[in-house]
Amino acid sequence: MSLPYLKALTEDQLRGVGIPAPWSFGYLDMVRYGEIDMLQHVNNGVYLKWFENLRVRYFIERGIWTSDGNQPKVVVRNASLHFRAEVKLGQDYILTARTTKMGNTSFTMEYGVWTENGLVTTGDAVLVSIDGNGQKCALPDTARQVFSSMDGAEQS
């Protein structure tokens, strides 16, 4: 691929490599040696790390986390993965993320792993907004606006 590694990809770049709307946030990377298992494909647990790192980039790039320290705290309530095809050492892949639903204190994100073979792994996570005491709290309005305007997230 002739796209930049570890830089947010534009919607035009995503469409150019066959990733359809409504996916609008993604990063290109490649599989590293430490990410494979004895079967010579990406270890199942690595996908969760990839998605966690992508979620942080999503929050930063979309202005949900700001340099002034005004960062909503979120915890993962649950996460799931669905494997369609293996991904191997040295293979390029694009991670995508989007928020699909939001409630009063939680939201759901979907993830995709794309290779030259198309969508090879999907995942989702329900995340809960918490306050400084670890108690559920309302999602910040800035996050709601981003989820709605950039991803078309629905209120549940």
N, C-alpha and C. Protein backbone atom coordinates (compact mmCIF):
# COMPACT_ATOMS: atom_id res chain seq x y z
N MET A 1 0.85 -1.18 0.00
CA MET A 1 0.00 0.00 0.00
C MET A 1 0.90 1.24 0.00
N SER A 2 0.45 2.28 -0.63
CA SER A 2 1.26 3.50 -0.68
C SER A 2 0.74 4.56 0.28
N LEU A 3 0.12 4.14 1.36
CA LEU A 3 -0.39 5.05 2.37
C LEU A 3 0.62 5.15 3.51
N PRO A 4 0.54 6.21 4.32
CA PRO A 4 1.48 6.36 5.44
C PRO A 4 1.12 5.45 6.61
N TYR A 5 2.14 4.83 7.21
CA TYR A 5 1.91 4.05 8.41
C TYR A 5 1.65 4.98 9.60
N LEU A 6 0.79 4.52 10.50
CA LEU A 6 0.57 5.16 11.80
C LEU A 6 0.17 6.63 11.71
N LYS A 7 -0.55 6.99 10.68
CA LYS A 7 -1.14 8.32 10.53
C LYS A 7 -2.62 8.11 10.23
N ALA A 8 -3.45 8.99 10.78
CA ALA A 8 -4.88 8.88 10.51
C ALA A 8 -5.11 8.99 9.00
N LEU A 9 -5.89 8.07 8.46
CA LEU A 9 -6.19 8.07 7.04
C LEU A 9 -7.46 8.88 6.79
N THR A 10 -7.50 9.56 5.67
CA THR A 10 -8.69 10.33 5.30
C THR A 10 -9.76 9.38 4.77
N GLU A 11 -10.97 9.89 4.70
CA GLU A 11 -12.05 9.08 4.13
C GLU A 11 -11.73 8.73 2.68
N ASP A 12 -11.14 9.66 1.92
CA ASP A 12 -10.78 9.38 0.54
C ASP A 12 -9.75 8.25 0.46
N GLN A 13 -8.78 8.24 1.36
CA GLN A 13 -7.79 7.17 1.38
C GLN A 13 -8.44 5.83 1.71
N LEU A 14 -9.35 5.84 2.68
CA LEU A 14 -10.06 4.60 3.03
C LEU A 14 -10.87 4.08 1.85
N ARG A 15 -11.61 4.96 1.18
CA ARG A 15 -12.41 4.54 0.03
C ARG A 15 -11.51 4.05 -1.09
N GLY A 16 -10.33 4.68 -1.24
CA GLY A 16 -9.40 4.32 -2.30
C GLY A 16 -8.86 2.91 -2.18
N VAL A 17 -8.86 2.36 -0.96
CA VAL A 17 -8.40 0.97 -0.77
C VAL A 17 -9.58 0.03 -0.52
N GLY A 18 -10.79 0.52 -0.80
CA GLY A 18 -11.95 -0.37 -0.76
C GLY A 18 -12.67 -0.47 0.57
N ILE A 19 -12.36 0.41 1.52
CA ILE A 19 -13.08 0.39 2.80
C ILE A 19 -14.30 1.30 2.67
N PRO A 20 -15.49 0.74 2.80
CA PRO A 20 -16.71 1.50 2.51
C PRO A 20 -17.15 2.42 3.64
N ALA A 21 -18.01 3.38 3.28
CA ALA A 21 -18.70 4.18 4.28
C ALA A 21 -19.60 3.21 5.06
N PRO A 22 -19.87 3.44 6.29
CA PRO A 22 -19.62 4.67 7.04
C PRO A 22 -18.27 4.71 7.78
N TRP A 23 -17.36 3.77 7.52
CA TRP A 23 -16.05 3.84 8.17
C TRP A 23 -15.37 5.14 7.74
N SER A 24 -14.95 5.95 8.72
CA SER A 24 -14.31 7.22 8.40
C SER A 24 -13.04 7.46 9.20
N PHE A 25 -12.63 6.50 10.01
CA PHE A 25 -11.42 6.65 10.82
C PHE A 25 -10.60 5.38 10.72
N GLY A 26 -9.34 5.52 10.33
CA GLY A 26 -8.50 4.34 10.20
C GLY A 26 -7.02 4.66 10.22
N TYR A 27 -6.22 3.63 10.47
CA TYR A 27 -4.76 3.71 10.52
C TYR A 27 -4.18 2.50 9.81
N LEU A 28 -3.10 2.72 9.06
CA LEU A 28 -2.37 1.63 8.40
C LEU A 28 -1.19 1.23 9.27
N ASP A 29 -0.96 -0.06 9.40
CA ASP A 29 0.20 -0.58 10.12
C ASP A 29 0.57 -1.92 9.50
N MET A 30 1.57 -2.58 10.06
CA MET A 30 1.95 -3.91 9.60
C MET A 30 2.19 -4.81 10.79
N VAL A 31 2.01 -6.09 10.60
CA VAL A 31 2.18 -7.07 11.66
C VAL A 31 3.66 -7.22 11.99
N ARG A 32 3.95 -7.15 13.28
CA ARG A 32 5.33 -7.30 13.77
C ARG A 32 5.53 -8.70 14.37
N TYR A 33 6.79 -9.08 14.47
CA TYR A 33 7.14 -10.42 14.94
C TYR A 33 6.53 -10.72 16.31
N GLY A 34 6.57 -9.78 17.23
CA GLY A 34 6.06 -10.01 18.58
C GLY A 34 4.55 -10.15 18.65
N GLU A 35 3.86 -9.97 17.54
CA GLU A 35 2.40 -10.06 17.52
C GLU A 35 1.88 -11.41 17.01
N ILE A 36 2.80 -12.28 16.60
CA ILE A 36 2.35 -13.56 16.06
C ILE A 36 2.47 -14.65 17.12
N ASP A 37 1.73 -15.73 16.92
CA ASP A 37 1.79 -16.87 17.83
C ASP A 37 2.45 -18.06 17.16
N MET A 38 2.43 -19.20 17.80
CA MET A 38 3.13 -20.38 17.26
C MET A 38 2.49 -20.91 15.98
N LEU A 39 1.28 -20.48 15.67
CA LEU A 39 0.65 -20.86 14.40
C LEU A 39 1.01 -19.90 13.27
N GLN A 40 1.87 -18.92 13.59
CA GLN A 40 2.38 -17.95 12.62
C GLN A 40 1.33 -16.97 12.11
N HIS A 41 0.30 -16.72 12.93
CA HIS A 41 -0.63 -15.64 12.62
C HIS A 41 -0.80 -14.78 13.86
N VAL A 42 -1.47 -13.63 13.70
CA VAL A 42 -1.61 -12.69 14.80
C VAL A 42 -2.32 -13.37 15.98
N ASN A 43 -1.73 -13.25 17.16
CA ASN A 43 -2.29 -13.80 18.38
C ASN A 43 -3.63 -13.12 18.66
N ASN A 44 -4.61 -13.89 19.11
CA ASN A 44 -5.95 -13.35 19.35
C ASN A 44 -5.94 -12.14 20.28
N GLY A 45 -5.14 -12.17 21.33
CA GLY A 45 -5.10 -11.06 22.29
C GLY A 45 -4.56 -9.77 21.70
N VAL A 46 -3.77 -9.87 20.65
CA VAL A 46 -3.18 -8.68 20.02
C VAL A 46 -4.26 -7.79 19.44
N TYR A 47 -5.32 -8.39 18.91
CA TYR A 47 -6.40 -7.58 18.32
C TYR A 47 -6.99 -6.62 19.35
N LEU A 48 -7.15 -7.09 20.58
CA LEU A 48 -7.69 -6.22 21.63
C LEU A 48 -6.74 -5.06 21.91
N LYS A 49 -5.44 -5.31 21.89
CA LYS A 49 -4.45 -4.23 22.06
C LYS A 49 -4.53 -3.25 20.90
N TRP A 50 -4.61 -3.78 19.69
CA TRP A 50 -4.74 -2.90 18.52
C TRP A 50 -5.95 -2.00 18.67
N PHE A 51 -7.08 -2.58 19.05
CA PHE A 51 -8.32 -1.80 19.16
C PHE A 51 -8.23 -0.76 20.29
N GLU A 52 -7.58 -1.12 21.39
CA GLU A 52 -7.40 -0.17 22.49
C GLU A 52 -6.54 1.01 22.04
N ASN A 53 -5.44 0.73 21.37
CA ASN A 53 -4.57 1.80 20.86
C ASN A 53 -5.31 2.66 19.85
N LEU A 54 -6.11 2.03 18.98
CA LEU A 54 -6.87 2.79 17.99
C LEU A 54 -7.90 3.68 18.67
N ARG A 55 -8.53 3.17 19.72
CA ARG A 55 -9.53 3.98 20.44
C ARG A 55 -8.88 5.23 21.03
N VAL A 56 -7.68 5.13 21.57
CA VAL A 56 -6.98 6.29 22.11
C VAL A 56 -6.70 7.29 20.99
N ARG A 57 -6.20 6.80 19.83
CA ARG A 57 -5.93 7.69 18.68
C ARG A 57 -7.22 8.36 18.22
N TYR A 58 -8.31 7.61 18.19
CA TYR A 58 -9.62 8.13 17.80
C TYR A 58 -10.01 9.29 18.73
N PHE A 59 -9.86 9.08 20.04
CA PHE A 59 -10.21 10.13 21.01
C PHE A 59 -9.34 11.37 20.82
N ILE A 60 -8.06 11.17 20.57
CA ILE A 60 -7.15 12.31 20.39
C ILE A 60 -7.43 13.02 19.06
N GLU A 61 -7.45 12.27 17.97
CA GLU A 61 -7.63 12.86 16.63
C GLU A 61 -8.97 13.57 16.49
N ARG A 62 -9.97 13.08 17.16
CA ARG A 62 -11.31 13.67 17.04
C ARG A 62 -11.62 14.70 18.12
N GLY A 63 -10.62 15.03 18.94
CA GLY A 63 -10.78 16.10 19.91
C GLY A 63 -11.57 15.75 21.14
N ILE A 64 -11.79 14.47 21.39
CA ILE A 64 -12.51 14.07 22.60
C ILE A 64 -11.58 14.19 23.80
N TRP A 65 -10.31 13.81 23.62
CA TRP A 65 -9.28 14.04 24.63
C TRP A 65 -8.49 15.25 24.20
N THR A 66 -8.35 16.21 25.08
CA THR A 66 -7.66 17.45 24.74
C THR A 66 -6.43 17.64 25.62
N SER A 67 -5.54 18.51 25.18
CA SER A 67 -4.29 18.74 25.90
C SER A 67 -4.50 19.48 27.22
N ASP A 68 -5.69 20.03 27.44
CA ASP A 68 -5.94 20.75 28.69
C ASP A 68 -6.30 19.81 29.85
N GLY A 69 -6.22 18.52 29.60
CA GLY A 69 -6.51 17.55 30.66
C GLY A 69 -7.98 17.22 30.80
N ASN A 70 -8.82 17.83 29.98
CA ASN A 70 -10.25 17.57 30.03
C ASN A 70 -10.54 16.29 29.25
N GLN A 71 -10.31 15.15 29.89
CA GLN A 71 -10.44 13.88 29.23
C GLN A 71 -11.46 13.00 29.95
N PRO A 72 -12.51 12.63 29.25
CA PRO A 72 -13.45 11.72 29.89
C PRO A 72 -12.75 10.40 30.18
N LYS A 73 -13.08 9.82 31.30
CA LYS A 73 -12.53 8.52 31.65
C LYS A 73 -13.52 7.46 31.20
N VAL A 74 -13.02 6.43 30.54
CA VAL A 74 -13.89 5.35 30.09
C VAL A 74 -13.27 4.01 30.47
N VAL A 75 -14.13 3.06 30.74
CA VAL A 75 -13.69 1.69 31.01
C VAL A 75 -14.44 0.76 30.06
N VAL A 76 -13.82 -0.35 29.74
CA VAL A 76 -14.44 -1.33 28.87
C VAL A 76 -15.37 -2.21 29.70
N ARG A 77 -16.62 -2.23 29.32
CA ARG A 77 -17.59 -3.10 29.99
C ARG A 77 -17.51 -4.51 29.41
N ASN A 78 -17.47 -4.57 28.09
CA ASN A 78 -17.27 -5.86 27.42
C ASN A 78 -16.72 -5.62 26.03
N ALA A 79 -16.09 -6.65 25.48
CA ALA A 79 -15.52 -6.58 24.14
C ALA A 79 -15.63 -7.94 23.48
N SER A 80 -15.76 -7.94 22.16
CA SER A 80 -15.82 -9.20 21.44
C SER A 80 -15.07 -9.09 20.14
N LEU A 81 -14.67 -10.25 19.62
CA LEU A 81 -13.94 -10.34 18.36
C LEU A 81 -14.59 -11.40 17.49
N HIS A 82 -14.53 -11.19 16.19
CA HIS A 82 -15.01 -12.19 15.25
C HIS A 82 -13.95 -12.31 14.15
N PHE A 83 -13.36 -13.48 14.04
CA PHE A 83 -12.28 -13.72 13.09
C PHE A 83 -12.83 -14.32 11.80
N ARG A 84 -12.45 -13.74 10.68
CA ARG A 84 -12.86 -14.22 9.36
C ARG A 84 -11.71 -14.86 8.60
N ALA A 85 -10.52 -14.32 8.79
CA ALA A 85 -9.32 -14.83 8.11
C ALA A 85 -8.10 -14.44 8.92
N GLU A 86 -7.05 -15.23 8.79
CA GLU A 86 -5.85 -14.95 9.57
C GLU A 86 -5.05 -13.81 8.96
N VAL A 87 -4.24 -13.19 9.81
CA VAL A 87 -3.34 -12.12 9.41
C VAL A 87 -1.95 -12.56 9.83
N LYS A 88 -0.96 -12.39 8.94
CA LYS A 88 0.35 -12.98 9.17
C LYS A 88 1.46 -11.94 9.26
N LEU A 89 2.61 -12.40 9.71
CA LEU A 89 3.80 -11.58 9.89
C LEU A 89 4.12 -10.77 8.64
N GLY A 90 4.38 -9.47 8.85
CA GLY A 90 4.76 -8.58 7.77
C GLY A 90 3.62 -8.07 6.92
N GLN A 91 2.42 -8.57 7.16
CA GLN A 91 1.27 -8.17 6.36
C GLN A 91 0.81 -6.77 6.75
N ASP A 92 0.51 -5.94 5.76
CA ASP A 92 -0.10 -4.64 6.01
C ASP A 92 -1.56 -4.83 6.37
N TYR A 93 -2.05 -3.99 7.27
CA TYR A 93 -3.46 -4.00 7.63
C TYR A 93 -3.90 -2.59 7.97
N ILE A 94 -5.17 -2.33 7.83
CA ILE A 94 -5.76 -1.05 8.24
C ILE A 94 -6.77 -1.35 9.33
N LEU A 95 -6.63 -0.63 10.45
CA LEU A 95 -7.60 -0.70 11.54
C LEU A 95 -8.61 0.42 11.35
N THR A 96 -9.88 0.12 11.54
CA THR A 96 -10.91 1.15 11.48
C THR A 96 -11.72 1.13 12.77
N ALA A 97 -12.27 2.27 13.11
CA ALA A 97 -13.11 2.39 14.31
C ALA A 97 -14.23 3.37 14.04
N ARG A 98 -15.34 3.12 14.70
CA ARG A 98 -16.48 4.05 14.64
C ARG A 98 -17.36 3.80 15.86
N THR A 99 -18.05 4.83 16.27
CA THR A 99 -19.02 4.71 17.36
C THR A 99 -20.40 4.56 16.72
N THR A 100 -21.10 3.52 17.12
CA THR A 100 -22.39 3.23 16.49
C THR A 100 -23.60 3.58 17.36
N LYS A 101 -23.43 3.50 18.67
CA LYS A 101 -24.54 3.78 19.59
C LYS A 101 -24.02 4.53 20.80
N MET A 102 -24.89 5.31 21.39
CA MET A 102 -24.55 5.96 22.66
C MET A 102 -25.78 6.04 23.52
N GLY A 103 -25.57 5.77 24.80
CA GLY A 103 -26.62 5.90 25.78
C GLY A 103 -26.31 7.11 26.65
N ASN A 104 -26.82 7.14 27.86
CA ASN A 104 -26.55 8.25 28.76
C ASN A 104 -25.14 8.20 29.32
N THR A 105 -24.67 6.98 29.67
CA THR A 105 -23.36 6.84 30.30
C THR A 105 -22.43 5.91 29.52
N SER A 106 -22.90 5.31 28.44
CA SER A 106 -22.08 4.34 27.71
C SER A 106 -22.20 4.55 26.21
N PHE A 107 -21.29 3.92 25.48
CA PHE A 107 -21.32 3.96 24.03
C PHE A 107 -20.71 2.68 23.48
N THR A 108 -21.06 2.36 22.24
CA THR A 108 -20.56 1.16 21.58
C THR A 108 -19.69 1.55 20.40
N MET A 109 -18.50 0.96 20.35
CA MET A 109 -17.61 1.16 19.22
C MET A 109 -17.48 -0.15 18.45
N GLU A 110 -17.37 -0.02 17.14
CA GLU A 110 -17.10 -1.15 16.27
C GLU A 110 -15.71 -0.96 15.68
N TYR A 111 -15.05 -2.09 15.41
CA TYR A 111 -13.70 -2.07 14.87
C TYR A 111 -13.62 -3.02 13.69
N GLY A 112 -12.69 -2.73 12.79
CA GLY A 112 -12.43 -3.63 11.67
C GLY A 112 -10.95 -3.73 11.41
N VAL A 113 -10.51 -4.89 10.95
CA VAL A 113 -9.15 -5.08 10.47
C VAL A 113 -9.27 -5.47 9.00
N TRP A 114 -8.63 -4.69 8.16
CA TRP A 114 -8.73 -4.85 6.71
C TRP A 114 -7.35 -5.16 6.14
N THR A 115 -7.29 -6.11 5.24
CA THR A 115 -6.06 -6.41 4.51
C THR A 115 -6.39 -6.37 3.01
N GLU A 116 -5.44 -6.78 2.20
CA GLU A 116 -5.70 -6.85 0.76
C GLU A 116 -6.83 -7.83 0.46
N ASN A 117 -7.20 -8.67 1.43
CA ASN A 117 -8.29 -9.63 1.27
C ASN A 117 -9.63 -9.10 1.76
N GLY A 118 -9.68 -7.81 2.14
CA GLY A 118 -10.91 -7.23 2.64
C GLY A 118 -10.98 -7.26 4.16
N LEU A 119 -12.19 -7.26 4.68
CA LEU A 119 -12.41 -7.24 6.13
C LEU A 119 -12.14 -8.62 6.70
N VAL A 120 -11.11 -8.74 7.55
CA VAL A 120 -10.68 -10.04 8.05
C VAL A 120 -11.01 -10.27 9.53
N THR A 121 -11.22 -9.21 10.27
CA THR A 121 -11.57 -9.34 11.69
C THR A 121 -12.46 -8.16 12.06
N THR A 122 -13.49 -8.43 12.86
CA THR A 122 -14.33 -7.37 13.39
C THR A 122 -14.35 -7.48 14.91
N GLY A 123 -14.70 -6.41 15.54
CA GLY A 123 -14.82 -6.40 16.99
C GLY A 123 -15.75 -5.29 17.41
N ASP A 124 -16.16 -5.35 18.64
CA ASP A 124 -16.93 -4.26 19.22
C ASP A 124 -16.66 -4.21 20.71
N ALA A 125 -16.93 -3.05 21.26
CA ALA A 125 -16.75 -2.85 22.70
C ALA A 125 -17.81 -1.90 23.21
N VAL A 126 -18.32 -2.19 24.39
CA VAL A 126 -19.19 -1.26 25.10
C VAL A 126 -18.32 -0.60 26.15
N LEU A 127 -18.30 0.72 26.10
CA LEU A 127 -17.47 1.50 27.02
C LEU A 127 -18.37 2.36 27.90
N VAL A 128 -17.97 2.54 29.15
CA VAL A 128 -18.76 3.28 30.13
C VAL A 128 -17.96 4.48 30.60
N SER A 129 -18.60 5.62 30.64
CA SER A 129 -17.98 6.85 31.14
C SER A 129 -18.05 6.84 32.67
N ILE A 130 -16.91 7.12 33.31
CA ILE A 130 -16.88 7.14 34.78
C ILE A 130 -16.28 8.45 35.28
N ASP A 131 -16.62 8.77 36.52
CA ASP A 131 -16.08 9.97 37.15
C ASP A 131 -14.81 9.61 37.94
N GLY A 132 -14.28 10.57 38.67
CA GLY A 132 -13.06 10.36 39.44
C GLY A 132 -13.18 9.33 40.54
N ASN A 133 -14.41 9.01 40.93
CA ASN A 133 -14.64 8.00 41.97
C ASN A 133 -14.97 6.63 41.40
N GLY A 134 -14.88 6.50 40.07
CA GLY A 134 -15.17 5.22 39.44
C GLY A 134 -16.65 4.93 39.27
N GLN A 135 -17.48 5.96 39.40
CA GLN A 135 -18.93 5.79 39.25
C GLN A 135 -19.35 6.22 37.85
N LYS A 136 -20.38 5.57 37.32
CA LYS A 136 -20.90 5.95 36.01
C LYS A 136 -21.28 7.43 36.02
N CYS A 137 -21.03 8.09 34.90
CA CYS A 137 -21.45 9.48 34.75
C CYS A 137 -21.85 9.72 33.30
N ALA A 138 -22.52 10.82 33.07
CA ALA A 138 -23.01 11.14 31.73
C ALA A 138 -21.85 11.32 30.75
N LEU A 139 -22.07 10.89 29.52
CA LEU A 139 -21.08 11.13 28.47
C LEU A 139 -20.96 12.63 28.24
N PRO A 140 -19.75 13.15 28.08
CA PRO A 140 -19.58 14.58 27.81
C PRO A 140 -20.25 14.98 26.50
N ASP A 141 -20.78 16.19 26.45
CA ASP A 141 -21.43 16.68 25.24
C ASP A 141 -20.49 16.68 24.04
N THR A 142 -19.21 17.00 24.27
CA THR A 142 -18.25 17.02 23.15
C THR A 142 -18.14 15.63 22.53
N ALA A 143 -18.10 14.60 23.36
CA ALA A 143 -18.02 13.24 22.83
C ALA A 143 -19.30 12.89 22.07
N ARG A 144 -20.43 13.25 22.61
CA ARG A 144 -21.71 12.98 21.94
C ARG A 144 -21.76 13.63 20.56
N GLN A 145 -21.30 14.87 20.49
CA GLN A 145 -21.32 15.58 19.21
C GLN A 145 -20.43 14.89 18.18
N VAL A 146 -19.24 14.47 18.61
CA VAL A 146 -18.32 13.77 17.71
C VAL A 146 -18.93 12.44 17.26
N PHE A 147 -19.43 11.67 18.20
CA PHE A 147 -20.00 10.36 17.87
C PHE A 147 -21.14 10.51 16.85
N SER A 148 -21.96 11.52 17.04
CA SER A 148 -23.11 11.73 16.18
C SER A 148 -22.70 12.30 14.82
N SER A 149 -21.92 13.39 14.82
CA SER A 149 -21.62 14.08 13.57
C SER A 149 -20.61 13.33 12.70
N MET A 150 -19.62 12.67 13.30
CA MET A 150 -18.59 12.02 12.50
C MET A 150 -18.89 10.57 12.20
N ASP A 151 -19.62 9.91 13.08
CA ASP A 151 -19.89 8.48 12.89
C ASP A 151 -21.36 8.15 12.67
N GLY A 152 -22.24 9.13 12.90
CA GLY A 152 -23.66 8.87 12.77
C GLY A 152 -24.20 7.98 13.88
N ALA A 153 -23.54 7.99 15.05
CA ALA A 153 -23.98 7.16 16.17
C ALA A 153 -25.41 7.51 16.55
N GLU A 154 -26.16 6.47 16.86
CA GLU A 154 -27.55 6.64 17.26
C GLU A 154 -27.67 6.65 18.78
N GLN A 155 -28.60 7.45 19.27
CA GLN A 155 -28.92 7.46 20.70
C GLN A 155 -29.75 6.22 21.00
N SER A 156 -29.33 5.46 22.03
CA SER A 156 -30.09 4.24 22.36
C SER A 156 -30.87 4.43 23.63
